[in-house]
Amino acid sequence: MTPKGALRAIQGAERRFQREAQKRRRELERQAKEMAKLSAIEQARLEVDTYDNQLEVLLSIHKEPCETWDWAGLSSALQPPAPHRYSRNERFARQLAHVAHPDNREAARAIIEDGRVIDAESHQQETRAHAEEIAEIEKMRNLAVRVLSGESMAFLEAFAEFNPVAEFSSVGSLKQFAVEDKHLIQCVFR
């Protein structure tokens, strides 16, 4: 599994994990919008339900299993192959030049050169994208190696990078977090 694939899997699992509490919260928020139409008793009941849901989310944060990351897989991920330079546009331009301008060599050369330029630009874009992907893979690989070696700063960087507590931003804001050991990061919410 590539680092991008692992990252997508991590993010997908994190989103699935967040959906249940968020789904309930969205339903309560929808009901809150209708609160203006409700009677005083119904308004009070809705406020109590909303408050109870917020408490439920806060009290269940530590109980829900967190997403696991394949740090060993990330640390040993291979780089994608370098992009190949293809000459599709040049070949198409040669065919077009022979058909459209069989007697005019200058027009044919111009068409073929345009095809080469398009191929070169396409290859440059692919090369830049490849370099960015390699840089991201190297960054993740370096982070994974540091996490596996137990470096506290790496845990903090991974926590900041993946932000596993983002779903709780509507309930409260993250005030601080600290690495207790390689199995525990303590978070304080406000």
N, C-alpha and C. Protein backbone atom coordinates (compact mmCIF):
# COMPACT_ATOMS: atom_id res chain seq x y z
N MET A 1 0.86 -1.17 0.00
CA MET A 1 0.00 0.00 0.00
C MET A 1 0.90 1.23 0.00
N THR A 2 0.63 2.16 -0.89
CA THR A 2 1.44 3.36 -0.97
C THR A 2 1.07 4.29 0.18
N PRO A 3 1.96 5.24 0.48
CA PRO A 3 1.64 6.18 1.55
C PRO A 3 0.37 6.97 1.27
N LYS A 4 0.16 7.33 0.00
CA LYS A 4 -1.08 8.04 -0.30
C LYS A 4 -2.28 7.14 -0.04
N GLY A 5 -2.16 5.87 -0.44
CA GLY A 5 -3.25 4.92 -0.20
C GLY A 5 -3.48 4.71 1.28
N ALA A 6 -2.40 4.61 2.03
CA ALA A 6 -2.53 4.45 3.48
C ALA A 6 -3.14 5.69 4.10
N LEU A 7 -2.71 6.85 3.62
CA LEU A 7 -3.26 8.09 4.14
C LEU A 7 -4.74 8.19 3.81
N ARG A 8 -5.12 7.80 2.60
CA ARG A 8 -6.54 7.83 2.24
C ARG A 8 -7.32 6.84 3.10
N ALA A 9 -6.77 5.67 3.34
CA ALA A 9 -7.45 4.68 4.18
C ALA A 9 -7.62 5.20 5.60
N ILE A 10 -6.59 5.86 6.09
CA ILE A 10 -6.65 6.43 7.43
C ILE A 10 -7.73 7.50 7.49
N GLN A 11 -7.71 8.38 6.51
CA GLN A 11 -8.69 9.46 6.50
C GLN A 11 -10.10 8.92 6.32
N GLY A 12 -10.25 7.87 5.48
CA GLY A 12 -11.58 7.28 5.28
C GLY A 12 -12.11 6.65 6.55
N ALA A 13 -11.27 5.94 7.25
CA ALA A 13 -11.70 5.32 8.50
C ALA A 13 -12.03 6.38 9.54
N GLU A 14 -11.24 7.44 9.56
CA GLU A 14 -11.51 8.52 10.50
C GLU A 14 -12.86 9.17 10.20
N ARG A 15 -13.15 9.37 8.92
CA ARG A 15 -14.45 9.97 8.56
C ARG A 15 -15.60 9.05 8.94
N ARG A 16 -15.45 7.75 8.71
CA ARG A 16 -16.52 6.81 9.11
C ARG A 16 -16.74 6.86 10.61
N PHE A 17 -15.67 6.94 11.35
CA PHE A 17 -15.72 7.00 12.80
C PHE A 17 -16.48 8.24 13.27
N GLN A 18 -16.29 9.34 12.56
CA GLN A 18 -16.88 10.61 12.96
C GLN A 18 -18.34 10.73 12.55
N ARG A 19 -18.77 9.98 11.58
CA ARG A 19 -20.10 10.16 11.00
C ARG A 19 -21.24 9.96 11.98
N GLU A 20 -21.15 8.97 12.86
CA GLU A 20 -22.27 8.67 13.74
C GLU A 20 -22.60 9.83 14.68
N ALA A 21 -21.62 10.33 15.39
CA ALA A 21 -21.87 11.46 16.30
C ALA A 21 -22.25 12.71 15.51
N GLN A 22 -21.61 12.88 14.36
CA GLN A 22 -21.93 14.05 13.55
C GLN A 22 -23.32 13.95 12.96
N LYS A 23 -23.73 12.76 12.60
CA LYS A 23 -25.08 12.59 12.05
C LYS A 23 -26.12 12.97 13.09
N ARG A 24 -25.92 12.52 14.31
CA ARG A 24 -26.84 12.87 15.40
C ARG A 24 -26.80 14.37 15.67
N ARG A 25 -25.59 14.95 15.64
CA ARG A 25 -25.44 16.38 15.88
C ARG A 25 -26.14 17.18 14.78
N ARG A 26 -26.00 16.77 13.52
CA ARG A 26 -26.68 17.47 12.42
C ARG A 26 -28.19 17.41 12.57
N GLU A 27 -28.68 16.26 13.01
CA GLU A 27 -30.12 16.12 13.21
C GLU A 27 -30.58 17.08 14.30
N LEU A 28 -29.83 17.17 15.38
CA LEU A 28 -30.18 18.08 16.46
C LEU A 28 -30.05 19.54 16.01
N GLU A 29 -29.07 19.84 15.19
CA GLU A 29 -28.93 21.19 14.67
C GLU A 29 -30.11 21.55 13.76
N ARG A 30 -30.54 20.60 12.96
CA ARG A 30 -31.70 20.82 12.10
C ARG A 30 -32.94 21.11 12.95
N GLN A 31 -33.08 20.33 14.01
CA GLN A 31 -34.21 20.55 14.91
C GLN A 31 -34.09 21.89 15.61
N ALA A 32 -32.86 22.29 15.91
CA ALA A 32 -32.64 23.58 16.57
C ALA A 32 -33.10 24.73 15.68
N LYS A 33 -32.94 24.58 14.38
CA LYS A 33 -33.39 25.62 13.46
C LYS A 33 -34.91 25.75 13.48
N GLU A 34 -35.56 24.66 13.74
CA GLU A 34 -37.01 24.69 13.81
C GLU A 34 -37.52 25.11 15.20
N MET A 35 -36.58 25.35 16.12
CA MET A 35 -36.93 25.65 17.50
C MET A 35 -37.81 26.89 17.61
N ALA A 36 -37.61 27.84 16.72
CA ALA A 36 -38.39 29.07 16.79
C ALA A 36 -39.88 28.79 16.67
N LYS A 37 -40.21 27.69 16.03
CA LYS A 37 -41.62 27.35 15.82
C LYS A 37 -42.20 26.51 16.96
N LEU A 38 -41.36 26.01 17.80
CA LEU A 38 -41.81 25.09 18.85
C LEU A 38 -42.33 25.83 20.08
N SER A 39 -43.11 25.15 20.84
CA SER A 39 -43.61 25.72 22.09
C SER A 39 -42.49 25.73 23.14
N ALA A 40 -42.70 26.39 24.23
CA ALA A 40 -41.68 26.53 25.28
C ALA A 40 -41.26 25.17 25.83
N ILE A 41 -42.18 24.26 26.00
CA ILE A 41 -41.85 22.93 26.53
C ILE A 41 -41.01 22.16 25.52
N GLU A 42 -41.40 22.22 24.26
CA GLU A 42 -40.63 21.51 23.23
C GLU A 42 -39.24 22.12 23.08
N GLN A 43 -39.13 23.43 23.21
CA GLN A 43 -37.83 24.09 23.14
C GLN A 43 -36.93 23.61 24.27
N ALA A 44 -37.48 23.52 25.45
CA ALA A 44 -36.69 23.06 26.60
C ALA A 44 -36.22 21.62 26.39
N ARG A 45 -37.11 20.77 25.88
CA ARG A 45 -36.76 19.37 25.63
C ARG A 45 -35.63 19.27 24.59
N LEU A 46 -35.73 20.07 23.54
CA LEU A 46 -34.70 20.07 22.50
C LEU A 46 -33.36 20.55 23.05
N GLU A 47 -33.40 21.59 23.88
CA GLU A 47 -32.16 22.09 24.48
C GLU A 47 -31.52 21.03 25.37
N VAL A 48 -32.33 20.31 26.11
CA VAL A 48 -31.81 19.24 26.96
C VAL A 48 -31.20 18.13 26.10
N ASP A 49 -31.90 17.74 25.04
CA ASP A 49 -31.37 16.70 24.14
C ASP A 49 -30.04 17.14 23.51
N THR A 50 -29.96 18.38 23.08
CA THR A 50 -28.72 18.89 22.48
C THR A 50 -27.60 18.87 23.49
N TYR A 51 -27.87 19.32 24.70
CA TYR A 51 -26.86 19.34 25.75
C TYR A 51 -26.42 17.91 26.10
N ASP A 52 -27.40 17.00 26.21
CA ASP A 52 -27.07 15.60 26.50
C ASP A 52 -26.20 15.00 25.40
N ASN A 53 -26.49 15.35 24.15
CA ASN A 53 -25.69 14.84 23.04
C ASN A 53 -24.27 15.38 23.11
N GLN A 54 -24.11 16.65 23.43
CA GLN A 54 -22.77 17.22 23.56
C GLN A 54 -22.00 16.52 24.69
N LEU A 55 -22.67 16.26 25.80
CA LEU A 55 -22.03 15.53 26.89
C LEU A 55 -21.66 14.11 26.46
N GLU A 56 -22.57 13.47 25.73
CA GLU A 56 -22.32 12.12 25.25
C GLU A 56 -21.08 12.07 24.35
N VAL A 57 -20.97 13.04 23.46
CA VAL A 57 -19.80 13.10 22.58
C VAL A 57 -18.54 13.32 23.40
N LEU A 58 -18.58 14.27 24.32
CA LEU A 58 -17.41 14.54 25.15
C LEU A 58 -17.01 13.36 26.02
N LEU A 59 -18.00 12.69 26.60
CA LEU A 59 -17.70 11.59 27.50
C LEU A 59 -17.31 10.31 26.77
N SER A 60 -17.58 10.24 25.48
CA SER A 60 -17.25 9.01 24.75
C SER A 60 -15.98 9.14 23.94
N ILE A 61 -15.35 10.31 23.95
CA ILE A 61 -14.13 10.51 23.16
C ILE A 61 -13.09 9.46 23.51
N HIS A 62 -12.86 9.25 24.77
CA HIS A 62 -11.81 8.33 25.20
C HIS A 62 -12.21 6.86 25.05
N LYS A 63 -13.50 6.58 24.88
CA LYS A 63 -13.96 5.20 24.82
C LYS A 63 -13.89 4.62 23.41
N GLU A 64 -13.98 5.48 22.43
CA GLU A 64 -14.02 5.00 21.06
C GLU A 64 -12.62 4.66 20.60
N PRO A 65 -12.48 3.55 19.87
CA PRO A 65 -11.14 3.16 19.42
C PRO A 65 -10.63 4.15 18.39
N CYS A 66 -9.38 4.48 18.51
CA CYS A 66 -8.81 5.41 17.55
C CYS A 66 -8.32 4.65 16.33
N GLU A 67 -8.15 5.38 15.28
CA GLU A 67 -7.67 4.79 14.04
C GLU A 67 -6.21 4.38 14.21
N THR A 68 -5.86 3.24 13.68
CA THR A 68 -4.47 2.81 13.73
C THR A 68 -3.82 3.12 12.39
N TRP A 69 -2.57 3.48 12.43
CA TRP A 69 -1.83 3.79 11.23
C TRP A 69 -0.76 2.73 11.03
N ASP A 70 -0.53 2.39 9.81
CA ASP A 70 0.48 1.40 9.45
C ASP A 70 1.82 2.12 9.28
N TRP A 71 2.45 2.43 10.41
CA TRP A 71 3.70 3.17 10.36
C TRP A 71 4.80 2.35 9.68
N ALA A 72 4.80 1.04 9.92
CA ALA A 72 5.81 0.20 9.27
C ALA A 72 5.62 0.23 7.76
N GLY A 73 4.38 0.17 7.32
CA GLY A 73 4.11 0.24 5.88
C GLY A 73 4.50 1.59 5.29
N LEU A 74 4.20 2.65 6.03
CA LEU A 74 4.58 3.98 5.55
C LEU A 74 6.10 4.15 5.51
N SER A 75 6.79 3.56 6.49
CA SER A 75 8.24 3.71 6.53
C SER A 75 8.94 2.93 5.42
N SER A 76 8.28 1.93 4.87
CA SER A 76 8.92 1.13 3.82
C SER A 76 8.25 1.29 2.47
N ALA A 77 7.47 2.33 2.31
CA ALA A 77 6.76 2.57 1.05
C ALA A 77 7.75 2.85 -0.08
N LEU A 78 7.45 2.31 -1.22
CA LEU A 78 8.29 2.52 -2.39
C LEU A 78 7.86 3.78 -3.13
N GLN A 79 8.82 4.36 -3.81
CA GLN A 79 8.50 5.53 -4.61
C GLN A 79 7.82 5.10 -5.89
N PRO A 80 6.91 5.91 -6.39
CA PRO A 80 6.28 5.58 -7.66
C PRO A 80 7.29 5.72 -8.80
N PRO A 81 7.09 5.01 -9.89
CA PRO A 81 8.04 5.12 -11.00
C PRO A 81 7.99 6.51 -11.61
N ALA A 82 9.12 6.91 -12.17
CA ALA A 82 9.20 8.22 -12.82
C ALA A 82 8.32 8.22 -14.07
N PRO A 83 7.75 9.36 -14.39
CA PRO A 83 6.90 9.41 -15.58
C PRO A 83 7.72 9.23 -16.85
N HIS A 84 7.13 8.58 -17.82
CA HIS A 84 7.78 8.37 -19.11
C HIS A 84 7.47 9.55 -20.02
N ARG A 85 8.38 9.82 -20.90
CA ARG A 85 8.14 10.87 -21.90
C ARG A 85 7.57 10.19 -23.13
N TYR A 86 6.34 10.54 -23.42
CA TYR A 86 5.66 9.99 -24.59
C TYR A 86 5.63 11.03 -25.70
N SER A 87 5.52 10.55 -26.91
CA SER A 87 5.47 11.46 -28.06
C SER A 87 4.18 11.27 -28.85
N ARG A 88 3.10 11.15 -28.12
CA ARG A 88 1.80 10.94 -28.77
C ARG A 88 1.42 12.12 -29.67
N ASN A 89 1.55 13.33 -29.13
CA ASN A 89 1.18 14.51 -29.91
C ASN A 89 2.10 14.68 -31.11
N GLU A 90 3.37 14.39 -30.95
CA GLU A 90 4.30 14.49 -32.07
C GLU A 90 3.94 13.48 -33.16
N ARG A 91 3.63 12.25 -32.77
CA ARG A 91 3.24 11.24 -33.77
C ARG A 91 1.95 11.63 -34.48
N PHE A 92 1.00 12.14 -33.71
CA PHE A 92 -0.25 12.58 -34.33
C PHE A 92 0.01 13.75 -35.27
N ALA A 93 0.90 14.67 -34.87
CA ALA A 93 1.24 15.81 -35.71
C ALA A 93 1.93 15.35 -36.99
N ARG A 94 2.79 14.34 -36.90
CA ARG A 94 3.44 13.80 -38.12
C ARG A 94 2.39 13.24 -39.08
N GLN A 95 1.45 12.50 -38.55
CA GLN A 95 0.39 11.95 -39.41
C GLN A 95 -0.40 13.08 -40.05
N LEU A 96 -0.75 14.07 -39.25
CA LEU A 96 -1.52 15.20 -39.76
C LEU A 96 -0.73 15.97 -40.81
N ALA A 97 0.56 16.17 -40.57
CA ALA A 97 1.40 16.91 -41.52
C ALA A 97 1.49 16.18 -42.86
N HIS A 98 1.61 14.87 -42.81
CA HIS A 98 1.71 14.10 -44.06
C HIS A 98 0.40 14.12 -44.84
N VAL A 99 -0.70 14.17 -44.13
CA VAL A 99 -2.01 14.19 -44.80
C VAL A 99 -2.39 15.60 -45.23
N ALA A 100 -2.24 16.58 -44.32
CA ALA A 100 -2.71 17.94 -44.60
C ALA A 100 -1.73 18.74 -45.46
N HIS A 101 -0.44 18.52 -45.30
CA HIS A 101 0.57 19.31 -46.02
C HIS A 101 1.64 18.38 -46.62
N PRO A 102 1.28 17.52 -47.56
CA PRO A 102 2.28 16.59 -48.10
C PRO A 102 3.39 17.28 -48.89
N ASP A 103 3.12 18.46 -49.45
CA ASP A 103 4.12 19.13 -50.28
C ASP A 103 4.80 20.29 -49.57
N ASN A 104 4.24 20.77 -48.46
CA ASN A 104 4.76 21.94 -47.76
C ASN A 104 5.55 21.49 -46.54
N ARG A 105 6.88 21.39 -46.68
CA ARG A 105 7.72 20.90 -45.59
C ARG A 105 7.76 21.86 -44.40
N GLU A 106 7.71 23.15 -44.64
CA GLU A 106 7.75 24.12 -43.54
C GLU A 106 6.49 24.02 -42.67
N ALA A 107 5.34 23.91 -43.28
CA ALA A 107 4.10 23.76 -42.52
C ALA A 107 4.11 22.45 -41.74
N ALA A 108 4.63 21.40 -42.37
CA ALA A 108 4.71 20.09 -41.70
C ALA A 108 5.64 20.17 -40.50
N ARG A 109 6.79 20.83 -40.65
CA ARG A 109 7.74 20.98 -39.53
C ARG A 109 7.10 21.77 -38.38
N ALA A 110 6.37 22.81 -38.71
CA ALA A 110 5.72 23.63 -37.68
C ALA A 110 4.70 22.81 -36.90
N ILE A 111 3.90 22.00 -37.60
CA ILE A 111 2.90 21.16 -36.93
C ILE A 111 3.60 20.13 -36.03
N ILE A 112 4.65 19.52 -36.54
CA ILE A 112 5.39 18.51 -35.76
C ILE A 112 6.04 19.15 -34.54
N GLU A 113 6.60 20.35 -34.71
CA GLU A 113 7.23 21.04 -33.58
C GLU A 113 6.20 21.39 -32.51
N ASP A 114 5.00 21.80 -32.93
CA ASP A 114 3.93 22.07 -31.96
C ASP A 114 3.60 20.81 -31.16
N GLY A 115 3.57 19.67 -31.83
CA GLY A 115 3.31 18.40 -31.13
C GLY A 115 4.40 18.09 -30.13
N ARG A 116 5.66 18.34 -30.50
CA ARG A 116 6.79 18.12 -29.58
C ARG A 116 6.68 19.02 -28.35
N VAL A 117 6.31 20.28 -28.58
CA VAL A 117 6.19 21.23 -27.48
C VAL A 117 5.10 20.77 -26.51
N ILE A 118 3.98 20.33 -27.04
CA ILE A 118 2.89 19.85 -26.18
C ILE A 118 3.34 18.63 -25.38
N ASP A 119 4.06 17.71 -26.03
CA ASP A 119 4.57 16.53 -25.33
C ASP A 119 5.56 16.93 -24.23
N ALA A 120 6.43 17.90 -24.52
CA ALA A 120 7.43 18.33 -23.54
C ALA A 120 6.74 19.00 -22.34
N GLU A 121 5.74 19.84 -22.59
CA GLU A 121 5.01 20.49 -21.49
C GLU A 121 4.28 19.46 -20.63
N SER A 122 3.68 18.49 -21.29
CA SER A 122 2.98 17.43 -20.56
C SER A 122 3.96 16.65 -19.68
N HIS A 123 5.12 16.34 -20.22
CA HIS A 123 6.12 15.60 -19.46
C HIS A 123 6.63 16.43 -18.28
N GLN A 124 6.81 17.73 -18.48
CA GLN A 124 7.25 18.60 -17.39
C GLN A 124 6.22 18.64 -16.27
N GLN A 125 4.94 18.73 -16.62
CA GLN A 125 3.89 18.73 -15.60
C GLN A 125 3.88 17.41 -14.83
N GLU A 126 4.02 16.30 -15.56
CA GLU A 126 4.04 15.00 -14.90
C GLU A 126 5.26 14.87 -13.99
N THR A 127 6.39 15.40 -14.44
CA THR A 127 7.62 15.35 -13.64
C THR A 127 7.47 16.17 -12.37
N ARG A 128 6.87 17.36 -12.47
CA ARG A 128 6.64 18.18 -11.27
C ARG A 128 5.70 17.47 -10.30
N ALA A 129 4.62 16.90 -10.83
CA ALA A 129 3.68 16.18 -9.96
C ALA A 129 4.38 14.98 -9.30
N HIS A 130 5.23 14.31 -10.06
CA HIS A 130 5.98 13.16 -9.52
C HIS A 130 6.92 13.62 -8.42
N ALA A 131 7.60 14.74 -8.63
CA ALA A 131 8.52 15.26 -7.61
C ALA A 131 7.76 15.63 -6.34
N GLU A 132 6.58 16.24 -6.49
CA GLU A 132 5.77 16.58 -5.31
C GLU A 132 5.31 15.33 -4.58
N GLU A 133 4.92 14.30 -5.34
CA GLU A 133 4.49 13.05 -4.72
C GLU A 133 5.65 12.39 -3.97
N ILE A 134 6.82 12.40 -4.57
CA ILE A 134 8.00 11.82 -3.91
C ILE A 134 8.33 12.61 -2.64
N ALA A 135 8.22 13.93 -2.70
CA ALA A 135 8.49 14.74 -1.51
C ALA A 135 7.51 14.39 -0.40
N GLU A 136 6.24 14.21 -0.74
CA GLU A 136 5.24 13.84 0.26
C GLU A 136 5.52 12.44 0.82
N ILE A 137 5.89 11.52 -0.05
CA ILE A 137 6.21 10.16 0.40
C ILE A 137 7.41 10.19 1.34
N GLU A 138 8.43 10.96 0.97
CA GLU A 138 9.62 11.05 1.82
C GLU A 138 9.29 11.68 3.18
N LYS A 139 8.44 12.69 3.15
CA LYS A 139 8.02 13.33 4.40
C LYS A 139 7.31 12.32 5.29
N MET A 140 6.37 11.56 4.71
CA MET A 140 5.63 10.56 5.48
C MET A 140 6.56 9.43 5.93
N ARG A 141 7.47 9.01 5.06
CA ARG A 141 8.41 7.95 5.41
C ARG A 141 9.29 8.39 6.58
N ASN A 142 9.78 9.62 6.52
CA ASN A 142 10.62 10.15 7.59
C ASN A 142 9.83 10.21 8.90
N LEU A 143 8.59 10.70 8.83
CA LEU A 143 7.75 10.77 10.02
C LEU A 143 7.50 9.37 10.58
N ALA A 144 7.21 8.41 9.70
CA ALA A 144 6.94 7.04 10.14
C ALA A 144 8.17 6.43 10.83
N VAL A 145 9.34 6.64 10.27
CA VAL A 145 10.57 6.12 10.89
C VAL A 145 10.76 6.72 12.27
N ARG A 146 10.51 8.02 12.38
CA ARG A 146 10.67 8.69 13.68
C ARG A 146 9.63 8.21 14.68
N VAL A 147 8.40 7.98 14.22
CA VAL A 147 7.35 7.47 15.12
C VAL A 147 7.74 6.07 15.60
N LEU A 148 8.20 5.23 14.68
CA LEU A 148 8.58 3.86 15.05
C LEU A 148 9.75 3.84 16.02
N SER A 149 10.60 4.85 15.94
CA SER A 149 11.74 4.89 16.88
C SER A 149 11.34 5.49 18.23
N GLY A 150 10.09 5.96 18.34
CA GLY A 150 9.59 6.46 19.62
C GLY A 150 9.90 7.91 19.91
N GLU A 151 10.21 8.68 18.90
CA GLU A 151 10.54 10.09 19.10
C GLU A 151 9.28 10.89 19.44
N SER A 152 9.29 11.55 20.58
CA SER A 152 8.11 12.30 21.05
C SER A 152 7.70 13.40 20.08
N MET A 153 8.66 14.10 19.52
CA MET A 153 8.34 15.18 18.59
C MET A 153 7.63 14.63 17.35
N ALA A 154 7.97 13.43 16.93
CA ALA A 154 7.32 12.80 15.78
C ALA A 154 5.85 12.51 16.09
N PHE A 155 5.57 12.11 17.33
CA PHE A 155 4.17 11.88 17.71
C PHE A 155 3.37 13.18 17.62
N LEU A 156 3.98 14.26 18.08
CA LEU A 156 3.30 15.55 18.02
C LEU A 156 3.07 15.98 16.58
N GLU A 157 4.08 15.77 15.72
CA GLU A 157 3.93 16.13 14.31
C GLU A 157 2.84 15.28 13.65
N ALA A 158 2.81 14.00 13.97
CA ALA A 158 1.78 13.11 13.39
C ALA A 158 0.40 13.54 13.88
N PHE A 159 0.31 13.89 15.13
CA PHE A 159 -0.98 14.34 15.68
C PHE A 159 -1.43 15.61 14.97
N ALA A 160 -0.52 16.54 14.78
CA ALA A 160 -0.86 17.80 14.10
C ALA A 160 -1.19 17.54 12.63
N GLU A 161 -0.49 16.62 12.00
CA GLU A 161 -0.70 16.32 10.58
C GLU A 161 -2.06 15.68 10.33
N PHE A 162 -2.40 14.68 11.12
CA PHE A 162 -3.63 13.92 10.87
C PHE A 162 -4.83 14.49 11.62
N ASN A 163 -4.60 15.27 12.65
CA ASN A 163 -5.65 15.94 13.43
C ASN A 163 -6.83 15.00 13.73
N PRO A 164 -6.62 13.99 14.52
CA PRO A 164 -7.68 13.02 14.79
C PRO A 164 -8.82 13.57 15.66
N VAL A 165 -8.67 14.75 16.21
CA VAL A 165 -9.73 15.30 17.04
C VAL A 165 -10.49 16.42 16.34
N ALA A 166 -10.38 16.50 15.03
CA ALA A 166 -11.04 17.57 14.27
C ALA A 166 -12.56 17.52 14.42
N GLU A 167 -13.11 16.32 14.57
CA GLU A 167 -14.57 16.19 14.66
C GLU A 167 -15.14 16.87 15.90
N PHE A 168 -14.32 17.13 16.89
CA PHE A 168 -14.82 17.70 18.13
C PHE A 168 -14.75 19.22 18.16
N SER A 169 -14.43 19.83 17.02
CA SER A 169 -14.30 21.29 16.99
C SER A 169 -15.62 21.99 17.28
N SER A 170 -16.75 21.35 16.96
CA SER A 170 -18.03 21.99 17.24
C SER A 170 -18.41 21.87 18.72
N VAL A 171 -17.83 20.92 19.41
CA VAL A 171 -18.13 20.72 20.83
C VAL A 171 -17.22 21.58 21.69
N GLY A 172 -16.00 21.73 21.26
CA GLY A 172 -15.02 22.51 22.00
C GLY A 172 -13.77 22.63 21.17
N SER A 173 -12.85 23.43 21.63
CA SER A 173 -11.61 23.57 20.87
C SER A 173 -10.48 22.90 21.63
N LEU A 174 -9.54 22.40 20.87
CA LEU A 174 -8.38 21.72 21.45
C LEU A 174 -7.48 22.78 22.07
N LYS A 175 -7.29 22.70 23.36
CA LYS A 175 -6.48 23.69 24.07
C LYS A 175 -5.01 23.30 24.01
N GLN A 176 -4.72 22.04 24.29
CA GLN A 176 -3.34 21.56 24.26
C GLN A 176 -3.34 20.05 24.15
N PHE A 177 -2.21 19.51 23.71
CA PHE A 177 -2.04 18.07 23.72
C PHE A 177 -0.58 17.77 24.02
N ALA A 178 -0.36 16.62 24.64
CA ALA A 178 0.98 16.24 25.05
C ALA A 178 1.14 14.74 24.91
N VAL A 179 2.33 14.32 24.57
CA VAL A 179 2.64 12.90 24.43
C VAL A 179 3.00 12.35 25.80
N GLU A 180 2.19 11.40 26.27
CA GLU A 180 2.47 10.74 27.56
C GLU A 180 3.48 9.61 27.35
N ASP A 181 3.22 8.76 26.38
CA ASP A 181 4.16 7.72 25.95
C ASP A 181 3.77 7.34 24.53
N LYS A 182 4.40 6.30 23.99
CA LYS A 182 4.15 5.99 22.58
C LYS A 182 2.76 5.40 22.32
N HIS A 183 2.00 5.17 23.36
CA HIS A 183 0.64 4.64 23.20
C HIS A 183 -0.43 5.64 23.63
N LEU A 184 -0.04 6.81 24.13
CA LEU A 184 -1.03 7.71 24.69
C LEU A 184 -0.65 9.18 24.43
N ILE A 185 -1.60 9.90 23.86
CA ILE A 185 -1.47 11.35 23.72
C ILE A 185 -2.63 11.95 24.50
N GLN A 186 -2.31 12.84 25.42
CA GLN A 186 -3.34 13.46 26.25
C GLN A 186 -3.77 14.77 25.61
N CYS A 187 -5.09 14.95 25.48
CA CYS A 187 -5.64 16.16 24.88
C CYS A 187 -6.50 16.88 25.90
N VAL A 188 -6.40 18.19 25.92
CA VAL A 188 -7.21 19.01 26.81
C VAL A 188 -8.07 19.90 25.92
N PHE A 189 -9.39 19.81 26.11
CA PHE A 189 -10.32 20.60 25.33
C PHE A 189 -10.86 21.77 26.17
N ARG A 190 -11.25 22.80 25.49
CA ARG A 190 -11.87 23.93 26.16
C ARG A 190 -13.31 24.01 25.69
